Amino acid sequence: MNRNLTDIELSMVCEVIASRIGLHFPIERWAMLRRNLVLAAREFGFHEMTGFIQWLLSSELSKDQIMILASHLTISETYFWREPQVFTALTDFILPELIKSKKNKEKCIRIWSAGCSTGEEPYSIAIALHKTIQKIEDWNITILATDINPRALSKAVSGIYG
């Protein structure tokens, strides 16, 4: 499986991926896309890229097939306390103001961690909440963690990290 995809093929594949999965691949990420498409082709049972690209461009993919493709096309970079300045802003500014605004109201916080990959960021958010909110048991807190990559999400659900 050593045939390189042409720029025209990659452009067409990018359009299909954007319309079916919602992922956008700018030209500067096409080298990574080429590599990941080879891995996806193998998992789908293709031994050459021409057949895989034709199939990808012409088939209606099932939900399971879209999930497999997404698992090859997402980066899944994550770790605890990623982007420390965001957590500093959360614990030093955002949460104290939010807590103050809820003083005489329902103590409810809902947070959405989109693109959470294997879950380290939402778990970091939960830890930050525990460190910041006194009497956290009096609060109704929900953290919704989502990702397009089902393999990454299954690790997040397990909550087991090295």
N, C-alpha and C. Protein backbone atom coordinates (compact mmCIF):
# COMPACT_ATOMS: atom_id res chain seq x y z
N MET A 1 0.84 -1.18 0.00
CA MET A 1 0.00 0.00 0.00
C MET A 1 0.89 1.24 0.00
N ASN A 2 1.67 1.38 -1.04
CA ASN A 2 2.62 2.48 -1.06
C ASN A 2 2.31 3.56 -2.09
N ARG A 3 1.13 3.52 -2.72
CA ARG A 3 0.78 4.58 -3.67
C ARG A 3 0.34 5.81 -2.90
N ASN A 4 0.96 6.94 -3.21
CA ASN A 4 0.56 8.20 -2.59
C ASN A 4 -0.72 8.72 -3.21
N LEU A 5 -1.52 9.34 -2.41
CA LEU A 5 -2.74 9.95 -2.90
C LEU A 5 -2.40 11.28 -3.57
N THR A 6 -3.09 11.57 -4.64
CA THR A 6 -2.88 12.87 -5.30
C THR A 6 -3.58 13.95 -4.49
N ASP A 7 -3.21 15.20 -4.75
CA ASP A 7 -3.86 16.31 -4.07
C ASP A 7 -5.35 16.38 -4.42
N ILE A 8 -5.69 16.03 -5.64
CA ILE A 8 -7.11 16.03 -6.04
C ILE A 8 -7.88 14.98 -5.23
N GLU A 9 -7.29 13.78 -5.10
CA GLU A 9 -7.95 12.73 -4.30
C GLU A 9 -8.09 13.17 -2.85
N LEU A 10 -7.02 13.75 -2.31
CA LEU A 10 -7.08 14.19 -0.91
C LEU A 10 -8.13 15.29 -0.73
N SER A 11 -8.23 16.18 -1.68
CA SER A 11 -9.22 17.23 -1.60
C SER A 11 -10.63 16.64 -1.58
N MET A 12 -10.87 15.66 -2.44
CA MET A 12 -12.19 15.01 -2.47
C MET A 12 -12.45 14.25 -1.17
N VAL A 13 -11.43 13.56 -0.66
CA VAL A 13 -11.58 12.84 0.60
C VAL A 13 -11.87 13.82 1.73
N CYS A 14 -11.19 14.96 1.73
CA CYS A 14 -11.43 15.97 2.77
C CYS A 14 -12.87 16.46 2.74
N GLU A 15 -13.42 16.65 1.57
CA GLU A 15 -14.82 17.07 1.45
C GLU A 15 -15.76 16.02 2.03
N VAL A 16 -15.48 14.75 1.73
CA VAL A 16 -16.32 13.66 2.25
C VAL A 16 -16.21 13.59 3.77
N ILE A 17 -15.00 13.68 4.28
CA ILE A 17 -14.78 13.62 5.73
C ILE A 17 -15.48 14.79 6.42
N ALA A 18 -15.37 15.97 5.85
CA ALA A 18 -16.02 17.14 6.45
C ALA A 18 -17.54 16.99 6.44
N SER A 19 -18.09 16.47 5.36
CA SER A 19 -19.55 16.36 5.28
C SER A 19 -20.10 15.22 6.13
N ARG A 20 -19.35 14.13 6.28
CA ARG A 20 -19.87 12.97 7.01
C ARG A 20 -19.49 12.95 8.48
N ILE A 21 -18.32 13.52 8.80
CA ILE A 21 -17.83 13.43 10.17
C ILE A 21 -17.71 14.81 10.82
N GLY A 22 -17.54 15.84 10.01
CA GLY A 22 -17.39 17.18 10.55
C GLY A 22 -15.95 17.55 10.86
N LEU A 23 -15.00 16.75 10.41
CA LEU A 23 -13.59 17.06 10.63
C LEU A 23 -13.04 17.82 9.42
N HIS A 24 -12.25 18.85 9.69
CA HIS A 24 -11.66 19.65 8.62
C HIS A 24 -10.14 19.42 8.62
N PHE A 25 -9.60 19.16 7.43
CA PHE A 25 -8.16 18.96 7.28
C PHE A 25 -7.59 20.01 6.34
N PRO A 26 -6.94 21.03 6.89
CA PRO A 26 -6.29 22.02 6.03
C PRO A 26 -5.09 21.38 5.31
N ILE A 27 -4.65 22.00 4.25
CA ILE A 27 -3.55 21.45 3.43
C ILE A 27 -2.33 21.12 4.28
N GLU A 28 -2.04 21.93 5.27
CA GLU A 28 -0.84 21.68 6.09
C GLU A 28 -0.94 20.40 6.93
N ARG A 29 -2.13 19.80 7.02
CA ARG A 29 -2.29 18.53 7.75
C ARG A 29 -2.49 17.35 6.82
N TRP A 30 -2.30 17.54 5.51
CA TRP A 30 -2.53 16.47 4.56
C TRP A 30 -1.52 15.33 4.69
N ALA A 31 -0.29 15.61 5.08
CA ALA A 31 0.69 14.52 5.25
C ALA A 31 0.22 13.56 6.34
N MET A 32 -0.27 14.12 7.44
CA MET A 32 -0.80 13.27 8.52
C MET A 32 -2.05 12.53 8.05
N LEU A 33 -2.89 13.21 7.28
CA LEU A 33 -4.10 12.58 6.76
C LEU A 33 -3.75 11.40 5.87
N ARG A 34 -2.75 11.56 5.01
CA ARG A 34 -2.31 10.45 4.14
C ARG A 34 -1.92 9.23 4.97
N ARG A 35 -1.10 9.46 5.99
CA ARG A 35 -0.64 8.35 6.85
C ARG A 35 -1.82 7.66 7.54
N ASN A 36 -2.74 8.46 8.07
CA ASN A 36 -3.86 7.89 8.81
C ASN A 36 -4.86 7.18 7.91
N LEU A 37 -4.99 7.65 6.68
CA LEU A 37 -5.88 6.96 5.74
C LEU A 37 -5.34 5.58 5.39
N VAL A 38 -4.02 5.44 5.31
CA VAL A 38 -3.42 4.12 5.06
C VAL A 38 -3.79 3.16 6.19
N LEU A 39 -3.71 3.63 7.43
CA LEU A 39 -4.08 2.79 8.58
C LEU A 39 -5.57 2.43 8.55
N ALA A 40 -6.39 3.41 8.20
CA ALA A 40 -7.83 3.15 8.11
C ALA A 40 -8.12 2.14 7.01
N ALA A 41 -7.46 2.29 5.86
CA ALA A 41 -7.66 1.36 4.74
C ALA A 41 -7.37 -0.07 5.17
N ARG A 42 -6.29 -0.25 5.91
CA ARG A 42 -5.94 -1.60 6.39
C ARG A 42 -7.02 -2.16 7.30
N GLU A 43 -7.52 -1.32 8.21
CA GLU A 43 -8.55 -1.82 9.12
C GLU A 43 -9.83 -2.18 8.37
N PHE A 44 -10.12 -1.46 7.30
CA PHE A 44 -11.30 -1.77 6.50
C PHE A 44 -11.05 -2.94 5.55
N GLY A 45 -9.83 -3.48 5.54
CA GLY A 45 -9.54 -4.66 4.74
C GLY A 45 -9.06 -4.38 3.33
N PHE A 46 -8.66 -3.15 3.05
CA PHE A 46 -8.16 -2.82 1.72
C PHE A 46 -6.64 -3.00 1.68
N HIS A 47 -6.16 -3.54 0.57
CA HIS A 47 -4.73 -3.77 0.41
C HIS A 47 -4.09 -2.75 -0.51
N GLU A 48 -4.91 -1.90 -1.13
CA GLU A 48 -4.37 -0.83 -1.96
C GLU A 48 -5.27 0.40 -1.82
N MET A 49 -4.65 1.58 -1.91
CA MET A 49 -5.35 2.83 -1.64
C MET A 49 -6.38 3.19 -2.70
N THR A 50 -6.15 2.81 -3.94
CA THR A 50 -7.10 3.17 -4.99
C THR A 50 -8.50 2.64 -4.67
N GLY A 51 -8.58 1.37 -4.31
CA GLY A 51 -9.88 0.78 -3.97
C GLY A 51 -10.48 1.42 -2.73
N PHE A 52 -9.65 1.70 -1.74
CA PHE A 52 -10.15 2.32 -0.52
C PHE A 52 -10.73 3.71 -0.80
N ILE A 53 -10.00 4.52 -1.57
CA ILE A 53 -10.46 5.87 -1.86
C ILE A 53 -11.75 5.82 -2.67
N GLN A 54 -11.82 4.93 -3.65
CA GLN A 54 -13.05 4.80 -4.44
C GLN A 54 -14.22 4.41 -3.54
N TRP A 55 -13.98 3.46 -2.66
CA TRP A 55 -15.02 3.02 -1.72
C TRP A 55 -15.45 4.18 -0.82
N LEU A 56 -14.46 4.89 -0.26
CA LEU A 56 -14.74 5.98 0.66
C LEU A 56 -15.55 7.09 -0.02
N LEU A 57 -15.21 7.38 -1.26
CA LEU A 57 -15.89 8.46 -1.98
C LEU A 57 -17.28 8.08 -2.47
N SER A 58 -17.53 6.81 -2.63
CA SER A 58 -18.80 6.41 -3.25
C SER A 58 -19.77 5.69 -2.32
N SER A 59 -19.34 5.33 -1.13
CA SER A 59 -20.19 4.54 -0.24
C SER A 59 -20.88 5.39 0.81
N GLU A 60 -22.06 4.95 1.18
CA GLU A 60 -22.71 5.50 2.36
C GLU A 60 -22.14 4.71 3.55
N LEU A 61 -21.43 5.37 4.40
CA LEU A 61 -20.81 4.68 5.52
C LEU A 61 -21.82 4.47 6.65
N SER A 62 -21.74 3.31 7.27
CA SER A 62 -22.57 3.04 8.43
C SER A 62 -22.01 3.81 9.63
N LYS A 63 -22.78 3.87 10.69
CA LYS A 63 -22.32 4.53 11.92
C LYS A 63 -21.03 3.89 12.42
N ASP A 64 -20.96 2.56 12.40
CA ASP A 64 -19.75 1.87 12.85
C ASP A 64 -18.55 2.20 11.97
N GLN A 65 -18.77 2.28 10.66
CA GLN A 65 -17.67 2.61 9.75
C GLN A 65 -17.19 4.04 9.97
N ILE A 66 -18.12 4.94 10.22
CA ILE A 66 -17.75 6.33 10.51
C ILE A 66 -16.94 6.39 11.80
N MET A 67 -17.32 5.60 12.78
CA MET A 67 -16.58 5.59 14.05
C MET A 67 -15.16 5.06 13.85
N ILE A 68 -15.02 4.02 13.05
CA ILE A 68 -13.68 3.48 12.76
C ILE A 68 -12.84 4.54 12.05
N LEU A 69 -13.41 5.17 11.05
CA LEU A 69 -12.69 6.21 10.32
C LEU A 69 -12.31 7.34 11.26
N ALA A 70 -13.23 7.79 12.09
CA ALA A 70 -12.95 8.87 13.04
C ALA A 70 -11.82 8.50 13.99
N SER A 71 -11.76 7.23 14.40
CA SER A 71 -10.70 6.82 15.33
C SER A 71 -9.32 6.91 14.69
N HIS A 72 -9.25 6.85 13.37
CA HIS A 72 -7.97 7.00 12.68
C HIS A 72 -7.64 8.45 12.34
N LEU A 73 -8.64 9.31 12.30
CA LEU A 73 -8.43 10.66 11.81
C LEU A 73 -8.30 11.71 12.91
N THR A 74 -8.60 11.36 14.14
CA THR A 74 -8.50 12.32 15.23
C THR A 74 -7.14 12.22 15.90
N ILE A 75 -6.71 13.30 16.49
CA ILE A 75 -5.36 13.37 17.06
C ILE A 75 -5.28 12.70 18.42
N SER A 76 -6.26 12.89 19.25
CA SER A 76 -6.32 12.29 20.59
C SER A 76 -5.15 12.71 21.48
N GLU A 77 -4.74 13.97 21.38
CA GLU A 77 -3.69 14.46 22.28
C GLU A 77 -4.36 14.97 23.54
N THR A 78 -3.97 14.43 24.65
CA THR A 78 -4.57 14.84 25.91
C THR A 78 -3.65 14.43 27.06
N TYR A 79 -3.75 15.17 28.12
CA TYR A 79 -3.05 14.82 29.35
C TYR A 79 -3.63 15.67 30.47
N PHE A 80 -3.35 15.26 31.70
CA PHE A 80 -3.86 16.00 32.84
C PHE A 80 -3.28 17.40 32.86
N TRP A 81 -4.12 18.36 33.20
CA TRP A 81 -3.75 19.77 33.33
C TRP A 81 -3.18 20.35 32.04
N ARG A 82 -3.66 19.84 30.89
CA ARG A 82 -3.26 20.38 29.60
C ARG A 82 -3.69 21.84 29.53
N GLU A 83 -2.87 22.68 28.97
CA GLU A 83 -3.13 24.12 28.90
C GLU A 83 -3.30 24.69 30.31
N PRO A 84 -2.22 24.71 31.09
CA PRO A 84 -2.32 25.13 32.50
C PRO A 84 -2.93 26.52 32.69
N GLN A 85 -2.72 27.43 31.72
CA GLN A 85 -3.28 28.77 31.87
C GLN A 85 -4.81 28.74 31.88
N VAL A 86 -5.39 27.77 31.20
CA VAL A 86 -6.85 27.63 31.20
C VAL A 86 -7.33 27.21 32.59
N PHE A 87 -6.60 26.29 33.22
CA PHE A 87 -6.99 25.84 34.55
C PHE A 87 -6.76 26.93 35.59
N THR A 88 -5.73 27.74 35.40
CA THR A 88 -5.52 28.88 36.29
C THR A 88 -6.68 29.85 36.17
N ALA A 89 -7.10 30.14 34.95
CA ALA A 89 -8.26 31.02 34.74
C ALA A 89 -9.51 30.42 35.36
N LEU A 90 -9.67 29.11 35.22
CA LEU A 90 -10.85 28.44 35.76
C LEU A 90 -10.89 28.55 37.28
N THR A 91 -9.78 28.20 37.95
CA THR A 91 -9.77 28.16 39.41
C THR A 91 -9.63 29.54 40.06
N ASP A 92 -8.96 30.48 39.38
CA ASP A 92 -8.70 31.79 40.00
C ASP A 92 -9.76 32.84 39.65
N PHE A 93 -10.43 32.68 38.52
CA PHE A 93 -11.35 33.72 38.09
C PHE A 93 -12.77 33.20 37.81
N ILE A 94 -12.88 32.21 36.94
CA ILE A 94 -14.19 31.77 36.47
C ILE A 94 -15.00 31.13 37.59
N LEU A 95 -14.44 30.12 38.25
CA LEU A 95 -15.20 29.44 39.30
C LEU A 95 -15.55 30.35 40.48
N PRO A 96 -14.63 31.17 40.99
CA PRO A 96 -15.03 32.06 42.09
C PRO A 96 -16.19 33.00 41.71
N GLU A 97 -16.16 33.54 40.50
CA GLU A 97 -17.26 34.41 40.06
C GLU A 97 -18.56 33.62 39.90
N LEU A 98 -18.45 32.43 39.35
CA LEU A 98 -19.63 31.58 39.17
C LEU A 98 -20.24 31.21 40.52
N ILE A 99 -19.40 30.84 41.46
CA ILE A 99 -19.87 30.48 42.81
C ILE A 99 -20.55 31.67 43.47
N LYS A 100 -19.94 32.85 43.34
CA LYS A 100 -20.52 34.06 43.92
C LYS A 100 -21.88 34.37 43.29
N SER A 101 -22.01 34.16 41.99
CA SER A 101 -23.27 34.45 41.31
C SER A 101 -24.38 33.48 41.70
N LYS A 102 -24.02 32.33 42.23
CA LYS A 102 -25.00 31.30 42.60
C LYS A 102 -25.29 31.30 44.10
N LYS A 103 -24.76 32.26 44.83
CA LYS A 103 -24.84 32.25 46.28
C LYS A 103 -26.24 32.00 46.83
N ASN A 104 -27.22 32.70 46.33
CA ASN A 104 -28.59 32.54 46.84
C ASN A 104 -29.49 31.83 45.85
N LYS A 105 -28.91 31.18 44.88
CA LYS A 105 -29.67 30.48 43.85
C LYS A 105 -29.34 28.99 43.90
N GLU A 106 -29.91 28.29 42.93
CA GLU A 106 -29.61 26.86 42.82
C GLU A 106 -28.11 26.67 42.57
N LYS A 107 -27.52 25.80 43.33
CA LYS A 107 -26.09 25.55 43.19
C LYS A 107 -25.87 24.47 42.13
N CYS A 108 -25.86 24.90 40.89
CA CYS A 108 -25.78 23.99 39.76
C CYS A 108 -24.73 24.49 38.77
N ILE A 109 -23.85 23.61 38.36
CA ILE A 109 -22.84 23.94 37.36
C ILE A 109 -22.84 22.83 36.32
N ARG A 110 -22.87 23.22 35.06
CA ARG A 110 -22.77 22.27 33.96
C ARG A 110 -21.61 22.69 33.08
N ILE A 111 -20.72 21.73 32.83
CA ILE A 111 -19.53 21.99 32.01
C ILE A 111 -19.49 20.97 30.89
N TRP A 112 -19.19 21.44 29.70
CA TRP A 112 -19.04 20.56 28.55
C TRP A 112 -17.58 20.56 28.13
N SER A 113 -16.96 19.40 28.16
CA SER A 113 -15.59 19.23 27.68
C SER A 113 -15.67 18.55 26.32
N ALA A 114 -15.72 19.36 25.26
CA ALA A 114 -15.83 18.83 23.90
C ALA A 114 -14.45 18.44 23.40
N GLY A 115 -14.39 17.35 22.66
CA GLY A 115 -13.11 16.88 22.15
C GLY A 115 -12.21 16.42 23.28
N CYS A 116 -12.77 15.66 24.20
CA CYS A 116 -12.05 15.30 25.43
C CYS A 116 -11.08 14.15 25.26
N SER A 117 -11.08 13.50 24.10
CA SER A 117 -10.19 12.38 23.82
C SER A 117 -10.33 11.31 24.89
N THR A 118 -9.23 10.95 25.57
CA THR A 118 -9.28 9.86 26.55
C THR A 118 -9.65 10.33 27.95
N GLY A 119 -10.03 11.60 28.10
CA GLY A 119 -10.66 12.04 29.33
C GLY A 119 -9.84 12.78 30.36
N GLU A 120 -8.57 13.00 30.10
CA GLU A 120 -7.75 13.66 31.13
C GLU A 120 -8.22 15.08 31.44
N GLU A 121 -8.66 15.82 30.42
CA GLU A 121 -9.12 17.18 30.68
C GLU A 121 -10.37 17.22 31.55
N PRO A 122 -11.43 16.45 31.24
CA PRO A 122 -12.60 16.52 32.14
C PRO A 122 -12.29 16.04 33.55
N TYR A 123 -11.41 15.06 33.69
CA TYR A 123 -11.02 14.65 35.04
C TYR A 123 -10.24 15.77 35.73
N SER A 124 -9.42 16.50 34.97
CA SER A 124 -8.71 17.66 35.54
C SER A 124 -9.70 18.73 35.98
N ILE A 125 -10.74 18.94 35.19
CA ILE A 125 -11.78 19.91 35.56
C ILE A 125 -12.44 19.48 36.87
N ALA A 126 -12.75 18.19 36.98
CA ALA A 126 -13.38 17.68 38.22
C ALA A 126 -12.48 17.91 39.42
N ILE A 127 -11.19 17.65 39.27
CA ILE A 127 -10.24 17.88 40.36
C ILE A 127 -10.20 19.36 40.73
N ALA A 128 -10.17 20.23 39.71
CA ALA A 128 -10.16 21.67 39.94
C ALA A 128 -11.41 22.11 40.70
N LEU A 129 -12.55 21.55 40.33
CA LEU A 129 -13.80 21.87 41.03
C LEU A 129 -13.72 21.46 42.50
N HIS A 130 -13.20 20.27 42.76
CA HIS A 130 -13.07 19.78 44.14
C HIS A 130 -12.14 20.65 44.95
N LYS A 131 -11.09 21.16 44.32
CA LYS A 131 -10.13 22.01 45.03
C LYS A 131 -10.69 23.42 45.28
N THR A 132 -11.60 23.86 44.44
CA THR A 132 -12.07 25.24 44.48
C THR A 132 -13.35 25.42 45.27
N ILE A 133 -14.25 24.46 45.22
CA ILE A 133 -15.57 24.63 45.82
C ILE A 133 -15.62 23.97 47.20
N GLN A 134 -15.84 24.82 48.21
CA GLN A 134 -16.03 24.28 49.56
C GLN A 134 -17.42 23.66 49.62
N LYS A 135 -17.55 22.61 50.35
CA LYS A 135 -18.83 21.89 50.46
C LYS A 135 -19.37 21.52 49.08
N ILE A 136 -18.53 20.90 48.29
CA ILE A 136 -18.93 20.53 46.93
C ILE A 136 -20.12 19.58 46.91
N GLU A 137 -20.31 18.86 48.01
CA GLU A 137 -21.45 17.93 48.09
C GLU A 137 -22.79 18.67 48.06
N ASP A 138 -22.79 19.97 48.31
CA ASP A 138 -24.02 20.76 48.25
C ASP A 138 -24.34 21.21 46.82
N TRP A 139 -23.50 20.89 45.90
CA TRP A 139 -23.65 21.36 44.52
C TRP A 139 -24.11 20.22 43.60
N ASN A 140 -24.85 20.60 42.58
CA ASN A 140 -25.24 19.69 41.51
C ASN A 140 -24.33 20.02 40.32
N ILE A 141 -23.31 19.19 40.12
CA ILE A 141 -22.32 19.47 39.09
C ILE A 141 -22.35 18.36 38.04
N THR A 142 -22.40 18.78 36.78
CA THR A 142 -22.37 17.84 35.68
C THR A 142 -21.23 18.23 34.75
N ILE A 143 -20.41 17.25 34.40
CA ILE A 143 -19.38 17.45 33.39
C ILE A 143 -19.70 16.50 32.25
N LEU A 144 -20.04 17.06 31.11
CA LEU A 144 -20.30 16.28 29.91
C LEU A 144 -19.01 16.24 29.10
N ALA A 145 -18.49 15.04 28.90
CA ALA A 145 -17.25 14.86 28.14
C ALA A 145 -17.57 14.12 26.85
N THR A 146 -17.28 14.74 25.71
CA THR A 146 -17.61 14.14 24.42
C THR A 146 -16.39 14.11 23.52
N ASP A 147 -16.40 13.17 22.60
CA ASP A 147 -15.37 13.08 21.57
C ASP A 147 -15.93 12.28 20.41
N ILE A 148 -15.39 12.51 19.23
CA ILE A 148 -15.85 11.79 18.04
C ILE A 148 -15.19 10.41 17.93
N ASN A 149 -14.10 10.21 18.67
CA ASN A 149 -13.34 8.96 18.60
C ASN A 149 -13.85 7.98 19.67
N PRO A 150 -14.56 6.93 19.25
CA PRO A 150 -15.13 6.01 20.25
C PRO A 150 -14.07 5.23 21.02
N ARG A 151 -12.93 4.98 20.42
CA ARG A 151 -11.86 4.25 21.13
C ARG A 151 -11.29 5.10 22.25
N ALA A 152 -11.12 6.38 21.99
CA ALA A 152 -10.64 7.29 23.02
C ALA A 152 -11.66 7.40 24.15
N LEU A 153 -12.93 7.51 23.79
CA LEU A 153 -13.98 7.62 24.81
C LEU A 153 -14.06 6.39 25.70
N SER A 154 -13.82 5.22 25.13
CA SER A 154 -13.91 4.03 25.97
C SER A 154 -12.81 4.03 27.03
N LYS A 155 -11.65 4.59 26.71
CA LYS A 155 -10.60 4.74 27.75
C LYS A 155 -11.04 5.77 28.77
N ALA A 156 -11.65 6.85 28.31
CA ALA A 156 -12.12 7.89 29.24
C ALA A 156 -13.14 7.32 30.21
N VAL A 157 -14.04 6.50 29.72
CA VAL A 157 -15.07 5.90 30.57
C VAL A 157 -14.44 5.04 31.66
N SER A 158 -13.37 4.33 31.31
CA SER A 158 -12.73 3.46 32.31
C SER A 158 -12.07 4.27 33.40
N GLY A 159 -11.55 5.45 33.07
CA GLY A 159 -10.92 6.30 34.08
C GLY A 159 -9.65 5.74 34.67
N ILE A 160 -8.99 4.86 33.94
CA ILE A 160 -7.75 4.26 34.43
C ILE A 160 -6.59 4.82 33.61
N TYR A 161 -5.63 5.43 34.31
CA TYR A 161 -4.51 6.09 33.65
C TYR A 161 -3.20 5.63 34.26
N GLY A 162 -2.15 5.68 33.47
CA GLY A 162 -0.82 5.27 33.92
C GLY A 162 -0.16 6.33 34.74
